[in-house]
Amino acid sequence: MLLEIVTPEKKIFSGEVDLVQLPGINGSFEILKNHAPIISTLDRGVIKIKTANGQIELFEVEGGVVECKKNTVIILAD
Protein backbone atom coordinates (compact mmCIF):
# COMPACT_ATOMS: atom_id res chain seq x y z
CA MET A 1 0.00 0.00 0.00
CA LEU A 2 1.11 3.57 -0.55
CA LEU A 3 2.05 5.66 2.49
CA GLU A 4 2.71 9.39 2.66
CA ILE A 5 3.77 11.17 5.85
CA VAL A 6 3.50 14.96 5.59
CA THR A 7 4.48 17.61 8.16
CA PRO A 8 3.82 21.36 7.91
CA GLU A 9 7.42 21.76 6.69
CA LYS A 10 7.78 18.93 4.17
CA LYS A 11 6.91 15.40 3.06
CA ILE A 12 9.07 13.08 5.19
CA PHE A 13 8.10 9.73 3.64
CA SER A 14 6.45 8.49 0.48
CA GLY A 15 6.54 4.89 -0.67
CA GLU A 16 5.16 1.37 -0.61
CA VAL A 17 4.80 -0.26 2.82
CA ASP A 18 3.48 -3.53 4.25
CA LEU A 19 2.58 -2.21 7.71
CA VAL A 20 1.97 1.08 9.51
CA GLN A 21 1.79 1.17 13.33
CA LEU A 22 0.34 4.40 14.73
CA PRO A 23 -0.07 6.06 18.16
CA GLY A 24 -3.82 6.63 18.26
CA ILE A 25 -5.54 8.78 20.89
CA ASN A 26 -7.11 5.61 22.40
CA GLY A 27 -4.00 3.42 21.98
CA SER A 28 -1.78 2.21 19.20
CA PHE A 29 -3.17 0.48 16.11
CA GLU A 30 -1.91 -0.98 12.85
CA ILE A 31 -2.95 -0.60 9.25
CA LEU A 32 -2.24 -3.43 6.82
CA LYS A 33 -3.06 -3.89 3.13
CA ASN A 34 -6.81 -3.88 2.36
CA HIS A 35 -7.67 -2.18 5.68
CA ALA A 36 -11.19 -0.76 5.92
CA PRO A 37 -11.42 2.99 5.31
CA ILE A 38 -10.58 4.96 8.45
CA ILE A 39 -9.88 8.49 9.64
CA SER A 40 -8.33 8.86 13.09
CA THR A 41 -6.47 11.37 15.24
CA LEU A 42 -2.96 10.60 16.44
CA ASP A 43 -1.35 11.20 19.81
CA ARG A 44 2.29 11.94 20.60
CA GLY A 45 4.40 8.87 19.89
CA VAL A 46 6.24 6.91 17.24
CA ILE A 47 5.01 5.85 13.81
CA LYS A 48 6.57 2.52 12.87
CA ILE A 49 6.52 1.37 9.27
CA LYS A 50 7.70 -1.77 7.53
CA THR A 51 8.62 -0.96 3.95
CA ALA A 52 7.87 -3.28 1.05
CA ASN A 53 11.50 -4.50 1.13
CA GLY A 54 11.27 -5.38 4.86
CA GLN A 55 13.10 -2.37 6.29
CA ILE A 56 11.76 -0.89 9.56
CA GLU A 57 11.59 2.92 9.88
CA LEU A 58 10.51 5.03 12.86
CA PHE A 59 9.15 8.59 12.89
CA GLU A 60 8.45 10.51 16.09
CA VAL A 61 5.33 12.72 15.99
CA GLU A 62 3.61 15.15 18.35
CA GLY A 63 0.16 14.25 17.00
CA GLY A 64 -1.78 14.46 13.77
CA VAL A 65 -4.41 12.81 11.61
CA VAL A 66 -4.38 9.64 9.49
CA GLU A 67 -6.66 8.70 6.60
CA CYS A 68 -6.70 5.28 4.96
CA LYS A 69 -8.74 4.34 1.90
CA LYS A 70 -8.18 2.10 -1.11
CA ASN A 71 -4.69 1.02 0.08
CA THR A 72 -3.49 4.63 0.38
CA VAL A 73 -2.52 5.94 3.81
CA ILE A 74 -1.95 9.66 4.31
CA ILE A 75 -0.61 10.95 7.62
CA LEU A 76 -0.65 14.68 8.42
CA ALA A 77 1.77 14.84 11.34
CA ASP A 78 2.90 17.56 13.73
PDB file of N, CA and C in Angstrom:
ATOM      1  N   MET A   1       0.842  -1.173   0.000  1.00  0.00           N
ATOM      2  CA  MET A   1       0.000   0.000   0.000  1.00  0.00           C
ATOM      3  C   MET A   1       0.886   1.234   0.000  1.00  0.00           C
ATOM      4  N   LEU A   2       0.350   2.320  -0.464  1.00  0.00           N
ATOM      5  CA  LEU A   2       1.106   3.568  -0.552  1.00  0.00           C
ATOM      6  C   LEU A   2       0.951   4.358   0.744  1.00  0.00           C
ATOM      7  N   LEU A   3       2.063   4.834   1.289  1.00  0.00           N
ATOM      8  CA  LEU A   3       2.048   5.656   2.493  1.00  0.00           C
ATOM      9  C   LEU A   3       2.727   6.984   2.216  1.00  0.00           C
ATOM     10  N   GLU A   4       2.088   8.064   2.688  1.00  0.00           N
ATOM     11  CA  GLU A   4       2.708   9.391   2.658  1.00  0.00           C
ATOM     12  C   GLU A   4       2.607   9.979   4.051  1.00  0.00           C
ATOM     13  N   ILE A   5       3.741  10.471   4.569  1.00  0.00           N
ATOM     14  CA  ILE A   5       3.772  11.172   5.847  1.00  0.00           C
ATOM     15  C   ILE A   5       4.185  12.603   5.549  1.00  0.00           C
ATOM     16  N   VAL A   6       3.290  13.548   5.903  1.00  0.00           N
ATOM     17  CA  VAL A   6       3.501  14.956   5.586  1.00  0.00           C
ATOM     18  C   VAL A   6       3.470  15.764   6.881  1.00  0.00           C
ATOM     19  N   THR A   7       4.455  16.665   7.038  1.00  0.00           N
ATOM     20  CA  THR A   7       4.475  17.608   8.158  1.00  0.00           C
ATOM     21  C   THR A   7       4.218  19.000   7.583  1.00  0.00           C
ATOM     22  N   PRO A   8       4.005  19.999   8.448  1.00  0.00           N
ATOM     23  CA  PRO A   8       3.823  21.356   7.915  1.00  0.00           C
ATOM     24  C   PRO A   8       5.022  21.853   7.101  1.00  0.00           C
ATOM     25  N   GLU A   9       6.207  21.316   7.386  1.00  0.00           N
ATOM     26  CA  GLU A   9       7.417  21.764   6.692  1.00  0.00           C
ATOM     27  C   GLU A   9       7.681  21.037   5.376  1.00  0.00           C
ATOM     28  N   LYS A  10       7.425  19.702   5.358  1.00  0.00           N
ATOM     29  CA  LYS A  10       7.783  18.927   4.167  1.00  0.00           C
ATOM     30  C   LYS A  10       7.188  17.529   4.230  1.00  0.00           C
ATOM     31  N   LYS A  11       7.280  16.815   3.118  1.00  0.00           N
ATOM     32  CA  LYS A  11       6.913  15.400   3.058  1.00  0.00           C
ATOM     33  C   LYS A  11       8.115  14.612   3.566  1.00  0.00           C
ATOM     34  N   ILE A  12       7.919  13.804   4.620  1.00  0.00           N
ATOM     35  CA  ILE A  12       9.066  13.084   5.188  1.00  0.00           C
ATOM     36  C   ILE A  12       9.140  11.622   4.756  1.00  0.00           C
ATOM     37  N   PHE A  13       8.054  11.101   4.167  1.00  0.00           N
ATOM     38  CA  PHE A  13       8.101   9.734   3.640  1.00  0.00           C
ATOM     39  C   PHE A  13       7.049   9.577   2.563  1.00  0.00           C
ATOM     40  N   SER A  14       7.398   8.859   1.522  1.00  0.00           N
ATOM     41  CA  SER A  14       6.451   8.486   0.479  1.00  0.00           C
ATOM     42  C   SER A  14       6.942   7.191  -0.140  1.00  0.00           C
ATOM     43  N   GLY A  15       6.119   6.153  -0.089  1.00  0.00           N
ATOM     44  CA  GLY A  15       6.538   4.892  -0.674  1.00  0.00           C
ATOM     45  C   GLY A  15       5.606   3.751  -0.322  1.00  0.00           C
ATOM     46  N   GLU A  16       5.938   2.579  -0.844  1.00  0.00           N
ATOM     47  CA  GLU A  16       5.158   1.370  -0.607  1.00  0.00           C
ATOM     48  C   GLU A  16       5.559   0.748   0.725  1.00  0.00           C
ATOM     49  N   VAL A  17       4.558   0.359   1.518  1.00  0.00           N
ATOM     50  CA  VAL A  17       4.802  -0.260   2.821  1.00  0.00           C
ATOM     51  C   VAL A  17       3.892  -1.472   2.988  1.00  0.00           C
ATOM     52  N   ASP A  18       4.296  -2.362   3.906  1.00  0.00           N
ATOM     53  CA  ASP A  18       3.483  -3.525   4.248  1.00  0.00           C
ATOM     54  C   ASP A  18       2.692  -3.305   5.529  1.00  0.00           C
ATOM     55  N   LEU A  19       3.195  -2.415   6.412  1.00  0.00           N
ATOM     56  CA  LEU A  19       2.577  -2.214   7.711  1.00  0.00           C
ATOM     57  C   LEU A  19       2.831  -0.802   8.203  1.00  0.00           C
ATOM     58  N   VAL A  20       1.829  -0.219   8.861  1.00  0.00           N
ATOM     59  CA  VAL A  20       1.970   1.082   9.513  1.00  0.00           C
ATOM     60  C   VAL A  20       1.410   0.926  10.922  1.00  0.00           C
ATOM     61  N   GLN A  21       2.236   1.203  11.940  1.00  0.00           N
ATOM     62  CA  GLN A  21       1.789   1.166  13.332  1.00  0.00           C
ATOM     63  C   GLN A  21       1.742   2.607  13.836  1.00  0.00           C
ATOM     64  N   LEU A  22       0.583   2.995  14.401  1.00  0.00           N
ATOM     65  CA  LEU A  22       0.336   4.398  14.725  1.00  0.00           C
ATOM     66  C   LEU A  22      -0.057   4.589  16.190  1.00  0.00           C
ATOM     67  N   PRO A  23       0.332   5.748  16.784  1.00  0.00           N
ATOM     68  CA  PRO A  23      -0.065   6.062  18.158  1.00  0.00           C
ATOM     69  C   PRO A  23      -1.415   6.785  18.195  1.00  0.00           C
ATOM     70  N   GLY A  24      -2.496   6.037  18.236  1.00  0.00           N
ATOM     71  CA  GLY A  24      -3.823   6.629  18.260  1.00  0.00           C
ATOM     72  C   GLY A  24      -4.140   7.256  19.614  1.00  0.00           C
ATOM     73  N   ILE A  25      -5.120   8.129  19.649  1.00  0.00           N
ATOM     74  CA  ILE A  25      -5.544   8.775  20.887  1.00  0.00           C
ATOM     75  C   ILE A  25      -5.977   7.733  21.924  1.00  0.00           C
ATOM     76  N   ASN A  26      -6.628   6.651  21.481  1.00  0.00           N
ATOM     77  CA  ASN A  26      -7.112   5.612  22.396  1.00  0.00           C
ATOM     78  C   ASN A  26      -6.204   4.386  22.415  1.00  0.00           C
ATOM     79  N   GLY A  27      -4.945   4.534  22.020  1.00  0.00           N
ATOM     80  CA  GLY A  27      -4.002   3.419  21.983  1.00  0.00           C
ATOM     81  C   GLY A  27      -3.468   3.203  20.582  1.00  0.00           C
ATOM     82  N   SER A  28      -2.400   2.420  20.512  1.00  0.00           N
ATOM     83  CA  SER A  28      -1.782   2.213  19.201  1.00  0.00           C
ATOM     84  C   SER A  28      -2.614   1.241  18.364  1.00  0.00           C
ATOM     85  N   PHE A  29      -2.489   1.376  17.037  1.00  0.00           N
ATOM     86  CA  PHE A  29      -3.173   0.479  16.115  1.00  0.00           C
ATOM     87  C   PHE A  29      -2.345   0.344  14.853  1.00  0.00           C
ATOM     88  N   GLU A  30      -2.647  -0.697  14.073  1.00  0.00           N
ATOM     89  CA  GLU A  30      -1.909  -0.975  12.848  1.00  0.00           C
ATOM     90  C   GLU A  30      -2.833  -0.928  11.648  1.00  0.00           C
ATOM     91  N   ILE A  31      -2.246  -0.563  10.527  1.00  0.00           N
ATOM     92  CA  ILE A  31      -2.945  -0.604   9.249  1.00  0.00           C
ATOM     93  C   ILE A  31      -2.143  -1.524   8.334  1.00  0.00           C
ATOM     94  N   LEU A  32      -2.835  -2.499   7.769  1.00  0.00           N
ATOM     95  CA  LEU A  32      -2.243  -3.430   6.821  1.00  0.00           C
ATOM     96  C   LEU A  32      -2.959  -3.272   5.477  1.00  0.00           C
ATOM     97  N   LYS A  33      -2.454  -3.947   4.459  1.00  0.00           N
ATOM     98  CA  LYS A  33      -3.055  -3.891   3.134  1.00  0.00           C
ATOM     99  C   LYS A  33      -4.528  -4.306   3.215  1.00  0.00           C
ATOM    100  N   ASN A  34      -5.371  -3.631   2.446  1.00  0.00           N
ATOM    101  CA  ASN A  34      -6.814  -3.875   2.359  1.00  0.00           C
ATOM    102  C   ASN A  34      -7.556  -3.541   3.654  1.00  0.00           C
ATOM    103  N   HIS A  35      -7.012  -2.636   4.462  1.00  0.00           N
ATOM    104  CA  HIS A  35      -7.675  -2.180   5.684  1.00  0.00           C
ATOM    105  C   HIS A  35      -8.951  -1.430   5.296  1.00  0.00           C
ATOM    106  N   ALA A  36      -9.951  -1.518   6.142  1.00  0.00           N
ATOM    107  CA  ALA A  36     -11.192  -0.765   5.920  1.00  0.00           C
ATOM    108  C   ALA A  36     -10.886   0.733   5.967  1.00  0.00           C
ATOM    109  N   PRO A  37     -11.648   1.537   5.260  1.00  0.00           N
ATOM    110  CA  PRO A  37     -11.422   2.992   5.311  1.00  0.00           C
ATOM    111  C   PRO A  37     -11.518   3.505   6.752  1.00  0.00           C
ATOM    112  N   ILE A  38     -10.624   4.428   7.096  1.00  0.00           N
ATOM    113  CA  ILE A  38     -10.577   4.961   8.451  1.00  0.00           C
ATOM    114  C   ILE A  38      -9.997   6.371   8.433  1.00  0.00           C
ATOM    115  N   ILE A  39     -10.492   7.203   9.335  1.00  0.00           N
ATOM    116  CA  ILE A  39      -9.884   8.493   9.643  1.00  0.00           C
ATOM    117  C   ILE A  39      -9.747   8.527  11.149  1.00  0.00           C
ATOM    118  N   SER A  40      -8.557   8.869  11.649  1.00  0.00           N
ATOM    119  CA  SER A  40      -8.327   8.862  13.091  1.00  0.00           C
ATOM    120  C   SER A  40      -7.332   9.949  13.473  1.00  0.00           C
ATOM    121  N   THR A  41      -7.447  10.418  14.709  1.00  0.00           N
ATOM    122  CA  THR A  41      -6.466  11.365  15.237  1.00  0.00           C
ATOM    123  C   THR A  41      -5.325  10.595  15.884  1.00  0.00           C
ATOM    124  N   LEU A  42      -4.159  11.223  15.887  1.00  0.00           N
ATOM    125  CA  LEU A  42      -2.962  10.598  16.445  1.00  0.00           C
ATOM    126  C   LEU A  42      -2.498  11.360  17.676  1.00  0.00           C
ATOM    127  N   ASP A  43      -1.913  10.632  18.607  1.00  0.00           N
ATOM    128  CA  ASP A  43      -1.348  11.199  19.812  1.00  0.00           C
ATOM    129  C   ASP A  43       0.166  11.310  19.632  1.00  0.00           C
ATOM    130  N   ARG A  44       0.826  11.900  20.602  1.00  0.00           N
ATOM    131  CA  ARG A  44       2.286  11.942  20.601  1.00  0.00           C
ATOM    132  C   ARG A  44       2.816  10.512  20.678  1.00  0.00           C
ATOM    133  N   GLY A  45       3.828  10.209  19.877  1.00  0.00           N
ATOM    134  CA  GLY A  45       4.396   8.872  19.890  1.00  0.00           C
ATOM    135  C   GLY A  45       5.240   8.613  18.660  1.00  0.00           C
ATOM    136  N   VAL A  46       5.385   7.334  18.350  1.00  0.00           N
ATOM    137  CA  VAL A  46       6.243   6.908  17.243  1.00  0.00           C
ATOM    138  C   VAL A  46       5.404   6.182  16.199  1.00  0.00           C
ATOM    139  N   ILE A  47       5.585   6.578  14.936  1.00  0.00           N
ATOM    140  CA  ILE A  47       5.008   5.853  13.811  1.00  0.00           C
ATOM    141  C   ILE A  47       6.061   4.846  13.357  1.00  0.00           C
ATOM    142  N   LYS A  48       5.661   3.588  13.316  1.00  0.00           N
ATOM    143  CA  LYS A  48       6.573   2.522  12.872  1.00  0.00           C
ATOM    144  C   LYS A  48       6.049   1.990  11.552  1.00  0.00           C
ATOM    145  N   ILE A  49       6.922   1.927  10.565  1.00  0.00           N
ATOM    146  CA  ILE A  49       6.523   1.375   9.273  1.00  0.00           C
ATOM    147  C   ILE A  49       7.463   0.250   8.873  1.00  0.00           C
ATOM    148  N   LYS A  50       6.907  -0.697   8.139  1.00  0.00           N
ATOM    149  CA  LYS A  50       7.704  -1.766   7.534  1.00  0.00           C
ATOM    150  C   LYS A  50       7.562  -1.581   6.036  1.00  0.00           C
ATOM    151  N   THR A  51       8.661  -1.228   5.388  1.00  0.00           N
ATOM    152  CA  THR A  51       8.617  -0.962   3.951  1.00  0.00           C
ATOM    153  C   THR A  51       8.425  -2.256   3.172  1.00  0.00           C
ATOM    154  N   ALA A  52       8.117  -2.125   1.903  1.00  0.00           N
ATOM    155  CA  ALA A  52       7.872  -3.283   1.050  1.00  0.00           C
ATOM    156  C   ALA A  52       9.090  -4.200   0.949  1.00  0.00           C
ATOM    157  N   ASN A  53      10.289  -3.655   1.176  1.00  0.00           N
ATOM    158  CA  ASN A  53      11.497  -4.498   1.129  1.00  0.00           C
ATOM    159  C   ASN A  53      11.901  -5.001   2.511  1.00  0.00           C
ATOM    160  N   GLY A  54      11.029  -4.817   3.536  1.00  0.00           N
ATOM    161  CA  GLY A  54      11.273  -5.379   4.859  1.00  0.00           C
ATOM    162  C   GLY A  54      12.006  -4.485   5.832  1.00  0.00           C
ATOM    163  N   GLN A  55      12.376  -3.290   5.421  1.00  0.00           N
ATOM    164  CA  GLN A  55      13.098  -2.365   6.292  1.00  0.00           C
ATOM    165  C   GLN A  55      12.129  -1.700   7.264  1.00  0.00           C
ATOM    166  N   ILE A  56      12.555  -1.550   8.534  1.00  0.00           N
ATOM    167  CA  ILE A  56      11.755  -0.887   9.559  1.00  0.00           C
ATOM    168  C   ILE A  56      12.222   0.563   9.679  1.00  0.00           C
ATOM    169  N   GLU A  57      11.267   1.506   9.684  1.00  0.00           N
ATOM    170  CA  GLU A  57      11.593   2.918   9.882  1.00  0.00           C
ATOM    171  C   GLU A  57      10.692   3.478  10.966  1.00  0.00           C
ATOM    172  N   LEU A  58      11.236   4.407  11.764  1.00  0.00           N
ATOM    173  CA  LEU A  58      10.511   5.026  12.862  1.00  0.00           C
ATOM    174  C   LEU A  58      10.480   6.538  12.677  1.00  0.00           C
ATOM    175  N   PHE A  59       9.314   7.147  12.977  1.00  0.00           N
ATOM    176  CA  PHE A  59       9.151   8.593  12.891  1.00  0.00           C
ATOM    177  C   PHE A  59       8.448   9.061  14.160  1.00  0.00           C
ATOM    178  N   GLU A  60       9.053   9.979  14.880  1.00  0.00           N
ATOM    179  CA  GLU A  60       8.448  10.514  16.090  1.00  0.00           C
ATOM    180  C   GLU A  60       7.526  11.675  15.725  1.00  0.00           C
ATOM    181  N   VAL A  61       6.304  11.664  16.280  1.00  0.00           N
ATOM    182  CA  VAL A  61       5.328  12.716  15.992  1.00  0.00           C
ATOM    183  C   VAL A  61       4.737  13.267  17.288  1.00  0.00           C
ATOM    184  N   GLU A  62       4.257  14.496  17.207  1.00  0.00           N
ATOM    185  CA  GLU A  62       3.608  15.147  18.350  1.00  0.00           C
ATOM    186  C   GLU A  62       2.094  14.991  18.285  1.00  0.00           C
ATOM    187  N   GLY A  63       1.584  14.421  17.215  1.00  0.00           N
ATOM    188  CA  GLY A  63       0.157  14.247  17.000  1.00  0.00           C
ATOM    189  C   GLY A  63      -0.136  14.358  15.524  1.00  0.00           C
ATOM    190  N   GLY A  64      -1.413  14.324  15.172  1.00  0.00           N
ATOM    191  CA  GLY A  64      -1.776  14.464  13.773  1.00  0.00           C
ATOM    192  C   GLY A  64      -3.052  13.737  13.437  1.00  0.00           C
ATOM    193  N   VAL A  65      -3.216  13.465  12.138  1.00  0.00           N
ATOM    194  CA  VAL A  65      -4.407  12.806  11.609  1.00  0.00           C
ATOM    195  C   VAL A  65      -3.965  11.789  10.565  1.00  0.00           C
ATOM    196  N   VAL A  66      -4.659  10.649  10.514  1.00  0.00           N
ATOM    197  CA  VAL A  66      -4.379   9.645   9.487  1.00  0.00           C
ATOM    198  C   VAL A  66      -5.673   9.328   8.743  1.00  0.00           C
ATOM    199  N   GLU A  67      -5.543   9.144   7.434  1.00  0.00           N
ATOM    200  CA  GLU A  67      -6.656   8.704   6.603  1.00  0.00           C
ATOM    201  C   GLU A  67      -6.184   7.514   5.784  1.00  0.00           C
ATOM    202  N   CYS A  68      -7.003   6.469   5.755  1.00  0.00           N
ATOM    203  CA  CYS A  68      -6.697   5.281   4.956  1.00  0.00           C
ATOM    204  C   CYS A  68      -7.904   4.956   4.099  1.00  0.00           C
ATOM    205  N   LYS A  69      -7.692   4.822   2.800  1.00  0.00           N
ATOM    206  CA  LYS A  69      -8.744   4.345   1.901  1.00  0.00           C
ATOM    207  C   LYS A  69      -8.098   3.814   0.633  1.00  0.00           C
ATOM    208  N   LYS A  70      -8.629   2.720   0.148  1.00  0.00           N
ATOM    209  CA  LYS A  70      -8.177   2.099  -1.107  1.00  0.00           C
ATOM    210  C   LYS A  70      -6.667   1.888  -1.131  1.00  0.00           C
ATOM    211  N   ASN A  71      -6.120   1.330  -0.040  1.00  0.00           N
ATOM    212  CA  ASN A  71      -4.689   1.020   0.085  1.00  0.00           C
ATOM    213  C   ASN A  71      -3.786   2.240  -0.065  1.00  0.00           C
ATOM    214  N   THR A  72      -4.298   3.403   0.300  1.00  0.00           N
ATOM    215  CA  THR A  72      -3.493   4.628   0.380  1.00  0.00           C
ATOM    216  C   THR A  72      -3.651   5.190   1.777  1.00  0.00           C
ATOM    217  N   VAL A  73      -2.530   5.403   2.452  1.00  0.00           N
ATOM    218  CA  VAL A  73      -2.523   5.937   3.807  1.00  0.00           C
ATOM    219  C   VAL A  73      -1.829   7.304   3.770  1.00  0.00           C
ATOM    220  N   ILE A  74      -2.520   8.327   4.249  1.00  0.00           N
ATOM    221  CA  ILE A  74      -1.948   9.661   4.314  1.00  0.00           C
ATOM    222  C   ILE A  74      -1.942  10.101   5.765  1.00  0.00           C
ATOM    223  N   ILE A  75      -0.760  10.487   6.252  1.00  0.00           N
ATOM    224  CA  ILE A  75      -0.615  10.947   7.621  1.00  0.00           C
ATOM    225  C   ILE A  75      -0.194  12.412   7.580  1.00  0.00           C
ATOM    226  N   LEU A  76      -1.003  13.264   8.224  1.00  0.00           N
ATOM    227  CA  LEU A  76      -0.654  14.676   8.416  1.00  0.00           C
ATOM    228  C   LEU A  76      -0.157  14.787   9.848  1.00  0.00           C
ATOM    229  N   ALA A  77       1.148  14.924  10.017  1.00  0.00           N
ATOM    230  CA  ALA A  77       1.769  14.841  11.338  1.00  0.00           C
ATOM    231  C   ALA A  77       2.320  16.183  11.797  1.00  0.00           C
ATOM    232  N   ASP A  78       2.299  16.376  13.110  1.00  0.00           N
ATOM    233  CA  ASP A  78       2.905  17.556  13.730  1.00  0.00           C
ATOM    234  C   ASP A  78       4.340  17.226  14.114  1.00  0.00           C
TER     235      ASP A  78
END
